[in-house]
Amino acid sequence: MEIKQEEHHGAGVFYLENEGKRMGEMRYLIRHGVMNIYHTEVDPSLKGRNMGFKLVEAGVNYARQIDTKVLPTCPFAHSVFERTEAFRDVLADIDSP
């Protein structure tokens, strides 16, 4: 299983590919220096293998690489950030101007 990325004009996706088939994805938009993770979905056959977490982790690592913050509006991504203290360095402060 390989995680790949596509991005065009600030809209992107990290996706799981297995033998040419997409098995999951995490979609994001980058606007005003913030990466909004708005959708995460993984094929039910991958349940229990932490693939959703790995997609969010790929997004976090990318945010660090491009020096941006993350706003996890996707309920799954939001729950990952709540459970993973190591990701909080990229968490966007939605209260700042």
Protein backbone atom coordinates (compact mmCIF):
# COMPACT_ATOMS: atom_id res chain seq x y z
CA MET A 1 0.00 0.00 0.00
CA GLU A 2 1.46 3.31 -1.06
CA ILE A 3 0.47 6.86 -0.08
CA LYS A 4 0.57 9.28 -3.00
CA GLN A 5 -0.23 12.96 -3.33
CA GLU A 6 -1.76 15.21 -5.96
CA GLU A 7 -2.12 18.98 -5.65
CA HIS A 8 -3.33 21.65 -8.05
CA HIS A 9 -3.66 25.33 -7.09
CA GLY A 10 -3.91 24.63 -3.35
CA ALA A 11 -6.46 21.81 -3.64
CA GLY A 12 -4.98 18.42 -2.94
CA VAL A 13 -5.37 14.85 -1.90
CA PHE A 14 -3.25 12.22 -0.23
CA TYR A 15 -4.47 8.81 -1.28
CA LEU A 16 -3.80 5.14 -0.68
CA GLU A 17 -3.10 3.15 -3.80
CA ASN A 18 -2.93 -0.61 -4.05
CA GLU A 19 -2.31 -2.22 -7.43
CA GLY A 20 -3.58 0.89 -9.23
CA LYS A 21 -6.78 1.17 -7.17
CA ARG A 22 -7.54 4.01 -4.74
CA MET A 23 -8.33 2.54 -1.36
CA GLY A 24 -8.64 5.75 0.63
CA GLU A 25 -8.07 9.47 0.53
CA MET A 26 -7.65 12.61 2.59
CA ARG A 27 -8.63 15.83 0.82
CA TYR A 28 -7.43 19.32 1.71
CA LEU A 29 -7.45 22.95 0.60
CA ILE A 30 -4.68 25.43 1.31
CA ARG A 31 -5.92 29.00 1.65
CA HIS A 32 -4.31 31.96 3.41
CA GLY A 33 -1.49 29.79 4.74
CA VAL A 34 -3.75 27.18 6.33
CA MET A 35 -4.32 23.60 5.20
CA ASN A 36 -7.96 22.66 5.76
CA ILE A 37 -8.31 18.87 5.95
CA TYR A 38 -11.98 18.53 5.08
CA HIS A 39 -12.48 14.88 4.11
CA THR A 40 -10.94 11.52 5.00
CA GLU A 41 -12.26 8.19 3.78
CA VAL A 42 -10.80 4.67 3.71
CA ASP A 43 -12.14 1.52 2.08
CA PRO A 44 -13.94 -0.66 4.66
CA SER A 45 -11.62 -3.58 3.81
CA LEU A 46 -8.80 -1.63 5.50
CA LYS A 47 -10.63 -1.20 8.80
CA GLY A 48 -8.36 -1.57 11.82
CA ARG A 49 -5.12 -0.99 9.89
CA ASN A 50 -4.69 2.71 10.87
CA MET A 51 -4.76 3.80 7.24
CA GLY A 52 -6.89 6.88 7.98
CA PHE A 53 -4.35 7.91 10.61
CA LYS A 54 -1.52 7.41 8.11
CA LEU A 55 -3.26 9.70 5.61
CA VAL A 56 -3.66 12.43 8.23
CA GLU A 57 -0.05 11.90 9.28
CA ALA A 58 1.05 12.39 5.64
CA GLY A 59 -0.86 15.68 5.63
CA VAL A 60 0.77 16.78 8.88
CA ASN A 61 4.22 15.97 7.53
CA TYR A 62 3.47 17.91 4.36
CA ALA A 63 2.24 20.89 6.40
CA ARG A 64 5.52 20.85 8.31
CA GLN A 65 7.47 20.65 5.06
CA ILE A 66 5.72 23.69 3.56
CA ASP A 67 5.57 25.53 6.91
CA THR A 68 1.81 25.87 7.19
CA LYS A 69 -0.79 25.17 9.86
CA VAL A 70 -3.62 22.62 9.70
CA LEU A 71 -7.31 23.15 10.34
CA PRO A 72 -8.90 19.69 10.64
CA THR A 73 -12.58 20.29 9.79
CA CYS A 74 -13.09 16.64 8.84
CA PRO A 75 -14.48 14.87 11.94
CA PHE A 76 -12.02 11.99 11.59
CA ALA A 77 -8.99 14.26 11.16
CA HIS A 78 -10.20 16.37 14.09
CA SER A 79 -10.35 13.26 16.30
CA VAL A 80 -6.82 12.28 15.21
CA PHE A 81 -5.53 15.71 16.27
CA GLU A 82 -7.31 15.41 19.62
CA ARG A 83 -5.63 12.04 20.28
CA THR A 84 -2.17 12.84 18.88
CA GLU A 85 -0.23 15.42 20.84
CA ALA A 86 2.72 15.15 18.41
CA PHE A 87 0.58 16.78 15.69
CA ARG A 88 -0.39 19.85 17.71
CA ASP A 89 2.61 21.88 16.52
CA VAL A 90 0.83 22.35 13.17
CA LEU A 91 -2.68 22.85 14.56
CA ALA A 92 -4.11 26.17 13.39
CA ASP A 93 -5.24 28.60 16.06
CA ILE A 94 -8.70 29.48 14.78
CA ASP A 95 -9.05 32.30 17.32
CA SER A 96 -6.10 34.30 15.98
CA PRO A 97 -6.86 37.23 13.64
